[in-house]
PDB file of N, CA and C in Angstrom:
ATOM      1  N   GLN A   1      83.506  96.668  12.446  1.00  0.00           N
ATOM      2  CA  GLN A   1      82.644  96.508  13.594  1.00  0.00           C
ATOM      3  C   GLN A   1      81.872  97.799  13.839  1.00  0.00           C
ATOM      4  N   VAL A   2      80.566  97.669  14.011  1.00  0.00           N
ATOM      5  CA  VAL A   2      79.714  98.833  14.253  1.00  0.00           C
ATOM      6  C   VAL A   2      79.915  99.326  15.687  1.00  0.00           C
ATOM      7  N   GLN A   3      80.090 100.618  15.841  1.00  0.00           N
ATOM      8  CA  GLN A   3      80.173 101.230  17.164  1.00  0.00           C
ATOM      9  C   GLN A   3      78.989 102.168  17.331  1.00  0.00           C
ATOM     10  N   LEU A   4      78.353 102.098  18.491  1.00  0.00           N
ATOM     11  CA  LEU A   4      77.137 102.864  18.752  1.00  0.00           C
ATOM     12  C   LEU A   4      77.311 103.709  20.005  1.00  0.00           C
ATOM     13  N   VAL A   5      76.903 104.963  19.908  1.00  0.00           N
ATOM     14  CA  VAL A   5      77.006 105.876  21.048  1.00  0.00           C
ATOM     15  C   VAL A   5      75.673 106.596  21.216  1.00  0.00           C
ATOM     16  N   GLU A   6      75.045 106.403  22.379  1.00  0.00           N
ATOM     17  CA  GLU A   6      73.771 107.051  22.650  1.00  0.00           C
ATOM     18  C   GLU A   6      73.992 108.389  23.340  1.00  0.00           C
ATOM     19  N   SER A   7      73.019 109.268  23.173  1.00  0.00           N
ATOM     20  CA  SER A   7      73.015 110.541  23.889  1.00  0.00           C
ATOM     21  C   SER A   7      71.581 111.018  24.026  1.00  0.00           C
ATOM     22  N   GLY A   8      71.375 111.971  24.939  1.00  0.00           N
ATOM     23  CA  GLY A   8      70.065 112.612  25.037  1.00  0.00           C
ATOM     24  C   GLY A   8      69.231 112.235  26.238  1.00  0.00           C
ATOM     25  N   GLY A   9      69.722 111.372  27.097  1.00  0.00           N
ATOM     26  CA  GLY A   9      68.952 111.011  28.277  1.00  0.00           C
ATOM     27  C   GLY A   9      68.909 112.148  29.276  1.00  0.00           C
ATOM     28  N   GLY A  10      68.125 111.959  30.348  1.00  0.00           N
ATOM     29  CA  GLY A  10      68.043 112.987  31.371  1.00  0.00           C
ATOM     30  C   GLY A  10      66.904 112.744  32.326  1.00  0.00           C
ATOM     31  N   LEU A  11      66.662 113.746  33.156  1.00  0.00           N
ATOM     32  CA  LEU A  11      65.586 113.704  34.149  1.00  0.00           C
ATOM     33  C   LEU A  11      64.502 114.678  33.728  1.00  0.00           C
ATOM     34  N   VAL A  12      63.278 114.166  33.581  1.00  0.00           N
ATOM     35  CA  VAL A  12      62.155 115.001  33.184  1.00  0.00           C
ATOM     36  C   VAL A  12      60.937 114.651  34.024  1.00  0.00           C
ATOM     37  N   GLN A  13      59.952 115.528  33.971  1.00  0.00           N
ATOM     38  CA  GLN A  13      58.690 115.251  34.650  1.00  0.00           C
ATOM     39  C   GLN A  13      57.748 114.479  33.730  1.00  0.00           C
ATOM     40  N   ALA A  14      56.821 113.774  34.337  1.00  0.00           N
ATOM     41  CA  ALA A  14      55.816 113.049  33.561  1.00  0.00           C
ATOM     42  C   ALA A  14      55.110 113.998  32.596  1.00  0.00           C
ATOM     43  N   GLY A  15      54.898 113.511  31.369  1.00  0.00           N
ATOM     44  CA  GLY A  15      54.252 114.318  30.349  1.00  0.00           C
ATOM     45  C   GLY A  15      55.216 115.041  29.429  1.00  0.00           C
ATOM     46  N   ALA A  16      56.482 115.099  29.823  1.00  0.00           N
ATOM     47  CA  ALA A  16      57.488 115.797  29.022  1.00  0.00           C
ATOM     48  C   ALA A  16      57.973 114.903  27.876  1.00  0.00           C
ATOM     49  N   SER A  17      58.859 115.467  27.072  1.00  0.00           N
ATOM     50  CA  SER A  17      59.440 114.759  25.925  1.00  0.00           C
ATOM     51  C   SER A  17      60.956 114.725  26.049  1.00  0.00           C
ATOM     52  N   LEU A  18      61.534 113.702  25.466  1.00  0.00           N
ATOM     53  CA  LEU A  18      62.985 113.589  25.334  1.00  0.00           C
ATOM     54  C   LEU A  18      63.284 112.992  23.974  1.00  0.00           C
ATOM     55  N   ARG A  19      64.459 113.323  23.475  1.00  0.00           N
ATOM     56  CA  ARG A  19      64.894 112.791  22.185  1.00  0.00           C
ATOM     57  C   ARG A  19      66.239 112.124  22.382  1.00  0.00           C
ATOM     58  N   LEU A  20      66.303 110.831  22.147  1.00  0.00           N
ATOM     59  CA  LEU A  20      67.556 110.085  22.239  1.00  0.00           C
ATOM     60  C   LEU A  20      68.145 109.929  20.845  1.00  0.00           C
ATOM     61  N   SER A  21      69.452 109.998  20.776  1.00  0.00           N
ATOM     62  CA  SER A  21      70.152 109.785  19.522  1.00  0.00           C
ATOM     63  C   SER A  21      71.144 108.651  19.666  1.00  0.00           C
ATOM     64  N   CYS A  22      71.361 107.950  18.569  1.00  0.00           N
ATOM     65  CA  CYS A  22      72.337 106.864  18.522  1.00  0.00           C
ATOM     66  C   CYS A  22      73.188 107.090  17.282  1.00  0.00           C
ATOM     67  N   ALA A  23      74.443 107.435  17.503  1.00  0.00           N
ATOM     68  CA  ALA A  23      75.369 107.667  16.410  1.00  0.00           C
ATOM     69  C   ALA A  23      76.139 106.391  16.130  1.00  0.00           C
ATOM     70  N   ALA A  24      76.085 105.943  14.886  1.00  0.00           N
ATOM     71  CA  ALA A  24      76.756 104.705  14.494  1.00  0.00           C
ATOM     72  C   ALA A  24      77.980 105.011  13.655  1.00  0.00           C
ATOM     73  N   SER A  25      79.054 104.300  13.906  1.00  0.00           N
ATOM     74  CA  SER A  25      80.264 104.421  13.097  1.00  0.00           C
ATOM     75  C   SER A  25      80.755 103.027  12.745  1.00  0.00           C
ATOM     76  N   GLY A  26      81.554 102.956  11.695  1.00  0.00           N
ATOM     77  CA  GLY A  26      82.037 101.657  11.244  1.00  0.00           C
ATOM     78  C   GLY A  26      81.350 101.267   9.958  1.00  0.00           C
ATOM     79  N   PRO A  27      81.132  99.968   9.735  1.00  0.00           N
ATOM     80  CA  PRO A  27      80.509  99.521   8.490  1.00  0.00           C
ATOM     81  C   PRO A  27      79.117 100.103   8.296  1.00  0.00           C
ATOM     82  N   THR A  28      78.683 100.170   7.068  1.00  0.00           N
ATOM     83  CA  THR A  28      77.378 100.716   6.749  1.00  0.00           C
ATOM     84  C   THR A  28      76.257  99.979   7.484  1.00  0.00           C
ATOM     85  N   LEU A  29      75.211 100.737   7.776  1.00  0.00           N
ATOM     86  CA  LEU A  29      74.051 100.150   8.420  1.00  0.00           C
ATOM     87  C   LEU A  29      73.100  99.516   7.413  1.00  0.00           C
ATOM     88  N   SER A  30      73.409  99.642   6.139  1.00  0.00           N
ATOM     89  CA  SER A  30      72.549  99.064   5.114  1.00  0.00           C
ATOM     90  C   SER A  30      72.396  97.567   5.351  1.00  0.00           C
ATOM     91  N   GLY A  31      71.140  97.105   5.362  1.00  0.00           N
ATOM     92  CA  GLY A  31      70.884  95.698   5.611  1.00  0.00           C
ATOM     93  C   GLY A  31      70.721  95.347   7.069  1.00  0.00           C
ATOM     94  N   LYS A  32      70.977  96.289   7.956  1.00  0.00           N
ATOM     95  CA  LYS A  32      70.854  96.033   9.376  1.00  0.00           C
ATOM     96  C   LYS A  32      69.533  96.573   9.920  1.00  0.00           C
ATOM     97  N   THR A  33      69.208  96.099  11.107  1.00  0.00           N
ATOM     98  CA  THR A  33      68.099  96.629  11.889  1.00  0.00           C
ATOM     99  C   THR A  33      68.665  97.353  13.090  1.00  0.00           C
ATOM    100  N   MET A  34      68.152  98.540  13.339  1.00  0.00           N
ATOM    101  CA  MET A  34      68.538  99.309  14.514  1.00  0.00           C
ATOM    102  C   MET A  34      67.408  99.220  15.528  1.00  0.00           C
ATOM    103  N   GLY A  35      67.761  98.892  16.737  1.00  0.00           N
ATOM    104  CA  GLY A  35      66.757  98.744  17.780  1.00  0.00           C
ATOM    105  C   GLY A  35      67.056  99.607  18.985  1.00  0.00           C
ATOM    106  N   TRP A  36      66.004  99.948  19.693  1.00  0.00           N
ATOM    107  CA  TRP A  36      66.119 100.598  21.005  1.00  0.00           C
ATOM    108  C   TRP A  36      65.539  99.644  22.036  1.00  0.00           C
ATOM    109  N   PHE A  37      66.276  99.465  23.097  1.00  0.00           N
ATOM    110  CA  PHE A  37      65.845  98.651  24.226  1.00  0.00           C
ATOM    111  C   PHE A  37      65.965  99.488  25.491  1.00  0.00           C
ATOM    112  N   ARG A  38      65.332  99.027  26.553  1.00  0.00           N
ATOM    113  CA  ARG A  38      65.497  99.696  27.833  1.00  0.00           C
ATOM    114  C   ARG A  38      65.527  98.668  28.953  1.00  0.00           C
ATOM    115  N   GLN A  39      66.188  99.052  30.033  1.00  0.00           N
ATOM    116  CA  GLN A  39      66.294  98.174  31.185  1.00  0.00           C
ATOM    117  C   GLN A  39      65.920  98.955  32.438  1.00  0.00           C
ATOM    118  N   PRO A  40      64.684  98.756  32.909  1.00  0.00           N
ATOM    119  CA  PRO A  40      64.258  99.433  34.144  1.00  0.00           C
ATOM    120  C   PRO A  40      65.024  98.870  35.337  1.00  0.00           C
ATOM    121  N   PRO A  41      65.092  99.598  36.426  1.00  0.00           N
ATOM    122  CA  PRO A  41      65.799  99.111  37.611  1.00  0.00           C
ATOM    123  C   PRO A  41      65.258  97.766  38.078  1.00  0.00           C
ATOM    124  N   GLY A  42      66.135  96.801  38.240  1.00  0.00           N
ATOM    125  CA  GLY A  42      65.753  95.497  38.742  1.00  0.00           C
ATOM    126  C   GLY A  42      65.034  94.600  37.749  1.00  0.00           C
ATOM    127  N   ASN A  43      64.954  95.038  36.500  1.00  0.00           N
ATOM    128  CA  ASN A  43      64.239  94.251  35.495  1.00  0.00           C
ATOM    129  C   ASN A  43      65.140  93.888  34.321  1.00  0.00           C
ATOM    130  N   GLU A  44      64.625  92.995  33.479  1.00  0.00           N
ATOM    131  CA  GLU A  44      65.383  92.584  32.317  1.00  0.00           C
ATOM    132  C   GLU A  44      65.276  93.634  31.212  1.00  0.00           C
ATOM    133  N   ARG A  45      66.199  93.549  30.287  1.00  0.00           N
ATOM    134  CA  ARG A  45      66.181  94.446  29.136  1.00  0.00           C
ATOM    135  C   ARG A  45      64.968  94.114  28.273  1.00  0.00           C
ATOM    136  N   GLU A  46      64.273  95.162  27.826  1.00  0.00           N
ATOM    137  CA  GLU A  46      63.059  94.949  27.047  1.00  0.00           C
ATOM    138  C   GLU A  46      63.056  95.765  25.764  1.00  0.00           C
ATOM    139  N   PHE A  47      62.381  95.233  24.793  1.00  0.00           N
ATOM    140  CA  PHE A  47      62.288  95.870  23.474  1.00  0.00           C
ATOM    141  C   PHE A  47      61.449  97.140  23.557  1.00  0.00           C
ATOM    142  N   VAL A  48      61.901  98.168  22.836  1.00  0.00           N
ATOM    143  CA  VAL A  48      61.151  99.416  22.744  1.00  0.00           C
ATOM    144  C   VAL A  48      60.720  99.675  21.304  1.00  0.00           C
ATOM    145  N   ALA A  49      61.679  99.682  20.394  1.00  0.00           N
ATOM    146  CA  ALA A  49      61.371 100.006  19.004  1.00  0.00           C
ATOM    147  C   ALA A  49      62.495  99.506  18.112  1.00  0.00           C
ATOM    148  N   ALA A  50      62.159  99.316  16.830  1.00  0.00           N
ATOM    149  CA  ALA A  50      63.167  98.896  15.859  1.00  0.00           C
ATOM    150  C   ALA A  50      62.854  99.508  14.511  1.00  0.00           C
ATOM    151  N   LEU A  51      63.901  99.642  13.707  1.00  0.00           N
ATOM    152  CA  LEU A  51      63.780 100.185  12.356  1.00  0.00           C
ATOM    153  C   LEU A  51      64.652  99.347  11.439  1.00  0.00           C
ATOM    154  N   THR A  52      64.040  98.804  10.383  1.00  0.00           N
ATOM    155  CA  THR A  52      64.812  98.042   9.407  1.00  0.00           C
ATOM    156  C   THR A  52      65.356  99.007   8.357  1.00  0.00           C
ATOM    157  N   TRP A  53      66.677  99.010   8.223  1.00  0.00           N
ATOM    158  CA  TRP A  53      67.332 100.053   7.424  1.00  0.00           C
ATOM    159  C   TRP A  53      66.962  99.975   5.947  1.00  0.00           C
ATOM    160  N   PHE A  54      66.785  98.745   5.404  1.00  0.00           N
ATOM    161  CA  PHE A  54      66.615  98.623   3.953  1.00  0.00           C
ATOM    162  C   PHE A  54      65.282  99.175   3.471  1.00  0.00           C
ATOM    163  N   ASP A  55      64.249  99.163   4.324  1.00  0.00           N
ATOM    164  CA  ASP A  55      62.946  99.664   3.863  1.00  0.00           C
ATOM    165  C   ASP A  55      62.369 100.756   4.774  1.00  0.00           C
ATOM    166  N   GLY A  56      63.040 101.019   5.884  1.00  0.00           N
ATOM    167  CA  GLY A  56      62.577 102.080   6.770  1.00  0.00           C
ATOM    168  C   GLY A  56      61.362 101.729   7.610  1.00  0.00           C
ATOM    169  N   ASN A  57      60.946 100.464   7.590  1.00  0.00           N
ATOM    170  CA  ASN A  57      59.790 100.078   8.412  1.00  0.00           C
ATOM    171  C   ASN A  57      60.136 100.170   9.895  1.00  0.00           C
ATOM    172  N   THR A  58      59.122 100.491  10.695  1.00  0.00           N
ATOM    173  CA  THR A  58      59.318 100.652  12.129  1.00  0.00           C
ATOM    174  C   THR A  58      58.398  99.723  12.920  1.00  0.00           C
ATOM    175  N   TYR A  59      58.840  99.383  14.113  1.00  0.00           N
ATOM    176  CA  TYR A  59      58.130  98.444  14.970  1.00  0.00           C
ATOM    177  C   TYR A  59      58.231  98.959  16.400  1.00  0.00           C
ATOM    178  N   TYR A  60      57.159  98.774  17.165  1.00  0.00           N
ATOM    179  CA  TYR A  60      57.125  99.322  18.516  1.00  0.00           C
ATOM    180  C   TYR A  60      56.550  98.327  19.507  1.00  0.00           C
ATOM    181  N   ALA A  61      57.027  98.419  20.744  1.00  0.00           N
ATOM    182  CA  ALA A  61      56.378  97.710  21.833  1.00  0.00           C
ATOM    183  C   ALA A  61      55.029  98.360  22.095  1.00  0.00           C
ATOM    184  N   ASN A  62      54.068  97.573  22.523  1.00  0.00           N
ATOM    185  CA  ASN A  62      52.733  98.115  22.782  1.00  0.00           C
ATOM    186  C   ASN A  62      52.764  99.233  23.818  1.00  0.00           C
ATOM    187  N   SER A  63      53.671  99.133  24.768  1.00  0.00           N
ATOM    188  CA  SER A  63      53.728 100.102  25.857  1.00  0.00           C
ATOM    189  C   SER A  63      54.146 101.499  25.397  1.00  0.00           C
ATOM    190  N   VAL A  64      54.759 101.607  24.223  1.00  0.00           N
ATOM    191  CA  VAL A  64      55.230 102.917  23.754  1.00  0.00           C
ATOM    192  C   VAL A  64      54.565 103.347  22.458  1.00  0.00           C
ATOM    193  N   LYS A  65      53.783 102.486  21.850  1.00  0.00           N
ATOM    194  CA  LYS A  65      53.149 102.791  20.567  1.00  0.00           C
ATOM    195  C   LYS A  65      52.281 104.029  20.701  1.00  0.00           C
ATOM    196  N   GLY A  66      52.454 104.945  19.759  1.00  0.00           N
ATOM    197  CA  GLY A  66      51.709 106.189  19.786  1.00  0.00           C
ATOM    198  C   GLY A  66      52.376 107.298  20.568  1.00  0.00           C
ATOM    199  N   ARG A  67      53.390 106.973  21.358  1.00  0.00           N
ATOM    200  CA  ARG A  67      54.129 107.990  22.135  1.00  0.00           C
ATOM    201  C   ARG A  67      55.572 108.131  21.660  1.00  0.00           C
ATOM    202  N   PHE A  68      56.181 107.034  21.243  1.00  0.00           N
ATOM    203  CA  PHE A  68      57.578 107.044  20.816  1.00  0.00           C
ATOM    204  C   PHE A  68      57.654 106.898  19.299  1.00  0.00           C
ATOM    205  N   THR A  69      58.676 107.511  18.714  1.00  0.00           N
ATOM    206  CA  THR A  69      58.910 107.392  17.281  1.00  0.00           C
ATOM    207  C   THR A  69      60.387 107.139  17.030  1.00  0.00           C
ATOM    208  N   ILE A  70      60.686 106.077  16.294  1.00  0.00           N
ATOM    209  CA  ILE A  70      62.055 105.790  15.891  1.00  0.00           C
ATOM    210  C   ILE A  70      62.229 106.278  14.453  1.00  0.00           C
ATOM    211  N   SER A  71      63.362 106.909  14.182  1.00  0.00           N
ATOM    212  CA  SER A  71      63.610 107.405  12.836  1.00  0.00           C
ATOM    213  C   SER A  71      65.104 107.373  12.562  1.00  0.00           C
ATOM    214  N   ARG A  72      65.466 107.596  11.320  1.00  0.00           N
ATOM    215  CA  ARG A  72      66.872 107.524  10.929  1.00  0.00           C
ATOM    216  C   ARG A  72      67.273 108.758  10.153  1.00  0.00           C
ATOM    217  N   ASN A  73      68.571 108.999  10.184  1.00  0.00           N
ATOM    218  CA  ASN A  73      69.165 110.053   9.387  1.00  0.00           C
ATOM    219  C   ASN A  73      70.082 109.347   8.392  1.00  0.00           C
ATOM    220  N   ASN A  74      69.674 109.243   7.150  1.00  0.00           N
ATOM    221  CA  ASN A  74      70.447 108.477   6.179  1.00  0.00           C
ATOM    222  C   ASN A  74      71.862 109.017   6.000  1.00  0.00           C
ATOM    223  N   ALA A  75      71.974 110.312   6.033  1.00  0.00           N
ATOM    224  CA  ALA A  75      73.286 110.910   5.763  1.00  0.00           C
ATOM    225  C   ALA A  75      74.256 110.690   6.910  1.00  0.00           C
ATOM    226  N   GLY A  76      73.712 110.732   8.149  1.00  0.00           N
ATOM    227  CA  GLY A  76      74.615 110.746   9.280  1.00  0.00           C
ATOM    228  C   GLY A  76      74.751 109.442  10.010  1.00  0.00           C
ATOM    229  N   ASN A  77      74.100 108.365   9.544  1.00  0.00           N
ATOM    230  CA  ASN A  77      74.118 107.100  10.280  1.00  0.00           C
ATOM    231  C   ASN A  77      73.686 107.295  11.728  1.00  0.00           C
ATOM    232  N   THR A  78      72.616 108.019  11.905  1.00  0.00           N
ATOM    233  CA  THR A  78      72.074 108.292  13.232  1.00  0.00           C
ATOM    234  C   THR A  78      70.641 107.812  13.317  1.00  0.00           C
ATOM    235  N   VAL A  79      70.330 107.170  14.419  1.00  0.00           N
ATOM    236  CA  VAL A  79      68.971 106.747  14.696  1.00  0.00           C
ATOM    237  C   VAL A  79      68.486 107.489  15.939  1.00  0.00           C
ATOM    238  N   THR A  80      67.305 108.016  15.871  1.00  0.00           N
ATOM    239  CA  THR A  80      66.766 108.758  17.002  1.00  0.00           C
ATOM    240  C   THR A  80      65.517 108.073  17.552  1.00  0.00           C
ATOM    241  N   LEU A  81      65.262 108.328  18.805  1.00  0.00           N
ATOM    242  CA  LEU A  81      64.038 107.863  19.457  1.00  0.00           C
ATOM    243  C   LEU A  81      63.392 109.082  20.100  1.00  0.00           C
ATOM    244  N   GLN A  82      62.331 109.557  19.484  1.00  0.00           N
ATOM    245  CA  GLN A  82      61.576 110.671  20.041  1.00  0.00           C
ATOM    246  C   GLN A  82      60.554 110.118  21.014  1.00  0.00           C
ATOM    247  N   MET A  83      60.647 110.564  22.260  1.00  0.00           N
ATOM    248  CA  MET A  83      59.767 110.037  23.312  1.00  0.00           C
ATOM    249  C   MET A  83      58.881 111.157  23.815  1.00  0.00           C
ATOM    250  N   ASN A  84      57.586 111.025  23.610  1.00  0.00           N
ATOM    251  CA  ASN A  84      56.612 112.024  24.041  1.00  0.00           C
ATOM    252  C   ASN A  84      55.725 111.457  25.132  1.00  0.00           C
ATOM    253  N   ARG A  85      55.101 112.356  25.864  1.00  0.00           N
ATOM    254  CA  ARG A  85      54.160 111.980  26.939  1.00  0.00           C
ATOM    255  C   ARG A  85      54.782 110.917  27.840  1.00  0.00           C
ATOM    256  N   LEU A  86      55.974 111.215  28.303  1.00  0.00           N
ATOM    257  CA  LEU A  86      56.697 110.249  29.124  1.00  0.00           C
ATOM    258  C   LEU A  86      55.983 109.970  30.434  1.00  0.00           C
ATOM    259  N   LYS A  87      56.134 108.741  30.894  1.00  0.00           N
ATOM    260  CA  LYS A  87      55.502 108.272  32.128  1.00  0.00           C
ATOM    261  C   LYS A  87      56.593 107.799  33.093  1.00  0.00           C
ATOM    262  N   PRO A  88      56.314 107.786  34.377  1.00  0.00           N
ATOM    263  CA  PRO A  88      57.320 107.273  35.325  1.00  0.00           C
ATOM    264  C   PRO A  88      57.776 105.855  34.990  1.00  0.00           C
ATOM    265  N   GLU A  89      56.893 105.054  34.440  1.00  0.00           N
ATOM    266  CA  GLU A  89      57.271 103.677  34.096  1.00  0.00           C
ATOM    267  C   GLU A  89      58.192 103.586  32.882  1.00  0.00           C
ATOM    268  N   ASP A  90      58.458 104.708  32.236  1.00  0.00           N
ATOM    269  CA  ASP A  90      59.447 104.743  31.151  1.00  0.00           C
ATOM    270  C   ASP A  90      60.868 104.885  31.698  1.00  0.00           C
ATOM    271  N   THR A  91      60.995 105.084  33.002  1.00  0.00           N
ATOM    272  CA  THR A  91      62.312 105.230  33.617  1.00  0.00           C
ATOM    273  C   THR A  91      63.137 103.970  33.398  1.00  0.00           C
ATOM    274  N   ALA A  92      64.325 104.142  32.828  1.00  0.00           N
ATOM    275  CA  ALA A  92      65.192 103.010  32.497  1.00  0.00           C
ATOM    276  C   ALA A  92      66.492 103.521  31.904  1.00  0.00           C
ATOM    277  N   VAL A  93      67.439 102.608  31.767  1.00  0.00           N
ATOM    278  CA  VAL A  93      68.602 102.878  30.921  1.00  0.00           C
ATOM    279  C   VAL A  93      68.222 102.442  29.511  1.00  0.00           C
ATOM    280  N   TYR A  94      68.394 103.339  28.559  1.00  0.00           N
ATOM    281  CA  TYR A  94      68.026 103.069  27.177  1.00  0.00           C
ATOM    282  C   TYR A  94      69.283 102.758  26.364  1.00  0.00           C
ATOM    283  N   TYR A  95      69.173 101.697  25.562  1.00  0.00           N
ATOM    284  CA  TYR A  95      70.284 101.245  24.743  1.00  0.00           C
ATOM    285  C   TYR A  95      69.866 101.199  23.273  1.00  0.00           C
ATOM    286  N   CYS A  96      70.764 101.575  22.384  1.00  0.00           N
ATOM    287  CA  CYS A  96      70.540 101.275  20.978  1.00  0.00           C
ATOM    288  C   CYS A  96      71.416 100.085  20.608  1.00  0.00           C
ATOM    289  N   ALA A  97      70.983  99.375  19.587  1.00  0.00           N
ATOM    290  CA  ALA A  97      71.647  98.141  19.202  1.00  0.00           C
ATOM    291  C   ALA A  97      71.450  97.892  17.717  1.00  0.00           C
ATOM    292  N   ALA A  98      72.303  97.055  17.156  1.00  0.00           N
ATOM    293  CA  ALA A  98      72.234  96.739  15.732  1.00  0.00           C
ATOM    294  C   ALA A  98      72.307  95.230  15.532  1.00  0.00           C
ATOM    295  N   THR A  99      71.537  94.764  14.535  1.00  0.00           N
ATOM    296  CA  THR A  99      71.513  93.343  14.216  1.00  0.00           C
ATOM    297  C   THR A  99      71.294  93.166  12.722  1.00  0.00           C
ATOM    298  N   ALA A 100      71.672  91.988  12.230  1.00  0.00           N
ATOM    299  CA  ALA A 100      71.405  91.665  10.831  1.00  0.00           C
ATOM    300  C   ALA A 100      70.026  91.026  10.679  1.00  0.00           C
ATOM    301  N   VAL A 101      69.375  90.702  11.766  1.00  0.00           N
ATOM    302  CA  VAL A 101      68.026  90.135  11.734  1.00  0.00           C
ATOM    303  C   VAL A 101      67.044  91.234  11.359  1.00  0.00           C
ATOM    304  N   ASN A 102      66.128  90.936  10.442  1.00  0.00           N
ATOM    305  CA  ASN A 102      65.210  91.989   9.995  1.00  0.00           C
ATOM    306  C   ASN A 102      63.770  91.515   9.908  1.00  0.00           C
ATOM    307  N   SER A 103      63.356  90.651  10.820  1.00  0.00           N
ATOM    308  CA  SER A 103      61.959  90.249  10.861  1.00  0.00           C
ATOM    309  C   SER A 103      61.511  90.108  12.308  1.00  0.00           C
ATOM    310  N   MET A 104      60.249  90.358  12.497  1.00  0.00           N
ATOM    311  CA  MET A 104      59.643  90.165  13.815  1.00  0.00           C
ATOM    312  C   MET A 104      59.088  88.740  13.889  1.00  0.00           C
ATOM    313  N   PRO A 105      59.012  88.137  15.058  1.00  0.00           N
ATOM    314  CA  PRO A 105      59.290  88.722  16.364  1.00  0.00           C
ATOM    315  C   PRO A 105      60.751  88.677  16.804  1.00  0.00           C
ATOM    316  N   ALA A 106      61.627  88.120  15.969  1.00  0.00           N
ATOM    317  CA  ALA A 106      63.026  87.965  16.379  1.00  0.00           C
ATOM    318  C   ALA A 106      63.677  89.301  16.728  1.00  0.00           C
ATOM    319  N   MET A 107      63.321  90.364  16.016  1.00  0.00           N
ATOM    320  CA  MET A 107      63.954  91.660  16.236  1.00  0.00           C
ATOM    321  C   MET A 107      63.691  92.209  17.625  1.00  0.00           C
ATOM    322  N   ALA A 108      62.702  91.694  18.320  1.00  0.00           N
ATOM    323  CA  ALA A 108      62.383  92.162  19.667  1.00  0.00           C
ATOM    324  C   ALA A 108      63.207  91.458  20.740  1.00  0.00           C
ATOM    325  N   ARG A 109      64.045  90.540  20.360  1.00  0.00           N
ATOM    326  CA  ARG A 109      64.829  89.769  21.311  1.00  0.00           C
ATOM    327  C   ARG A 109      66.237  90.332  21.418  1.00  0.00           C
ATOM    328  N   PRO A 110      66.663  90.754  22.604  1.00  0.00           N
ATOM    329  CA  PRO A 110      68.007  91.325  22.758  1.00  0.00           C
ATOM    330  C   PRO A 110      69.108  90.389  22.284  1.00  0.00           C
ATOM    331  N   VAL A 111      68.901  89.093  22.405  1.00  0.00           N
ATOM    332  CA  VAL A 111      69.962  88.137  22.123  1.00  0.00           C
ATOM    333  C   VAL A 111      70.389  88.156  20.660  1.00  0.00           C
ATOM    334  N   VAL A 112      69.543  88.645  19.757  1.00  0.00           N
ATOM    335  CA  VAL A 112      69.915  88.609  18.338  1.00  0.00           C
ATOM    336  C   VAL A 112      70.729  89.828  17.926  1.00  0.00           C
ATOM    337  N   TYR A 113      70.897  90.786  18.818  1.00  0.00           N
ATOM    338  CA  TYR A 113      71.637  92.007  18.492  1.00  0.00           C
ATOM    339  C   TYR A 113      73.125  91.807  18.768  1.00  0.00           C
ATOM    340  N   ASP A 114      73.940  92.187  17.780  1.00  0.00           N
ATOM    341  CA  ASP A 114      75.383  91.972  17.865  1.00  0.00           C
ATOM    342  C   ASP A 114      76.144  93.150  18.452  1.00  0.00           C
ATOM    343  N   TYR A 115      75.596  94.327  18.295  1.00  0.00           N
ATOM    344  CA  TYR A 115      76.296  95.543  18.711  1.00  0.00           C
ATOM    345  C   TYR A 115      75.392  96.369  19.619  1.00  0.00           C
ATOM    346  N   TRP A 116      75.986  96.916  20.672  1.00  0.00           N
ATOM    347  CA  TRP A 116      75.241  97.690  21.668  1.00  0.00           C
ATOM    348  C   TRP A 116      75.992  98.964  22.018  1.00  0.00           C
ATOM    349  N   GLY A 117      75.216 100.001  22.303  1.00  0.00           N
ATOM    350  CA  GLY A 117      75.804 101.203  22.856  1.00  0.00           C
ATOM    351  C   GLY A 117      75.965 101.050  24.352  1.00  0.00           C
ATOM    352  N   GLN A 118      76.469 102.107  24.979  1.00  0.00           N
ATOM    353  CA  GLN A 118      76.772 102.052  26.399  1.00  0.00           C
ATOM    354  C   GLN A 118      75.554 102.357  27.272  1.00  0.00           C
ATOM    355  N   GLY A 119      74.516 102.879  26.667  1.00  0.00           N
ATOM    356  CA  GLY A 119      73.289 103.182  27.388  1.00  0.00           C
ATOM    357  C   GLY A 119      73.227 104.619  27.865  1.00  0.00           C
ATOM    358  N   THR A 120      72.005 105.129  27.994  1.00  0.00           N
ATOM    359  CA  THR A 120      71.786 106.474  28.517  1.00  0.00           C
ATOM    360  C   THR A 120      70.581 106.427  29.459  1.00  0.00           C
ATOM    361  N   GLN A 121      70.714 107.094  30.599  1.00  0.00           N
ATOM    362  CA  GLN A 121      69.674 107.035  31.629  1.00  0.00           C
ATOM    363  C   GLN A 121      68.540 107.998  31.312  1.00  0.00           C
ATOM    364  N   VAL A 122      67.327 107.487  31.402  1.00  0.00           N
ATOM    365  CA  VAL A 122      66.123 108.314  31.307  1.00  0.00           C
ATOM    366  C   VAL A 122      65.348 108.132  32.610  1.00  0.00           C
ATOM    367  N   THR A 123      65.087 109.242  33.291  1.00  0.00           N
ATOM    368  CA  THR A 123      64.347 109.210  34.541  1.00  0.00           C
ATOM    369  C   THR A 123      63.144 110.134  34.424  1.00  0.00           C
ATOM    370  N   VAL A 124      61.974 109.588  34.681  1.00  0.00           N
ATOM    371  CA  VAL A 124      60.739 110.354  34.585  1.00  0.00           C
ATOM    372  C   VAL A 124      60.122 110.429  35.976  1.00  0.00           C
ATOM    373  N   SER A 125      60.000 111.625  36.500  1.00  0.00           N
ATOM    374  CA  SER A 125      59.430 111.813  37.834  1.00  0.00           C
ATOM    375  C   SER A 125      57.930 112.071  37.734  1.00  0.00           C
ATOM    376  N   SER A 126      57.217 111.669  38.770  1.00  0.00           N
ATOM    377  CA  SER A 126      55.756 111.833  38.761  1.00  0.00           C
ATOM    378  C   SER A 126      55.354 113.169  39.332  1.00  0.00           C
TER     379      SER A 126
END
């Protein structure tokens, strides 16, 4: 069973950057898709970004495209989310997740993910 642990959240001002990490342990991530989701206060969980492990392709929500970058560390089974030019509307609890689904648009749906981390809070002040 894959276990995921996020880190790197915090409180920053608008325009700043944060880097989230997701450390995976357990079975290999080969063949899986790693996703980042977020849940703003009072809202549903929403897709942020995904990376398909077998080919390294990346996918982004329109709201973060050009500001966020998802990447992987092959050696360490770690997936990172580099977030630049943060906005107050990026405030949310951020979760990493893993699924065997590797095509869009299915990868953007939380329901297809089998494994989830505990989440890390990101707060962006104006």
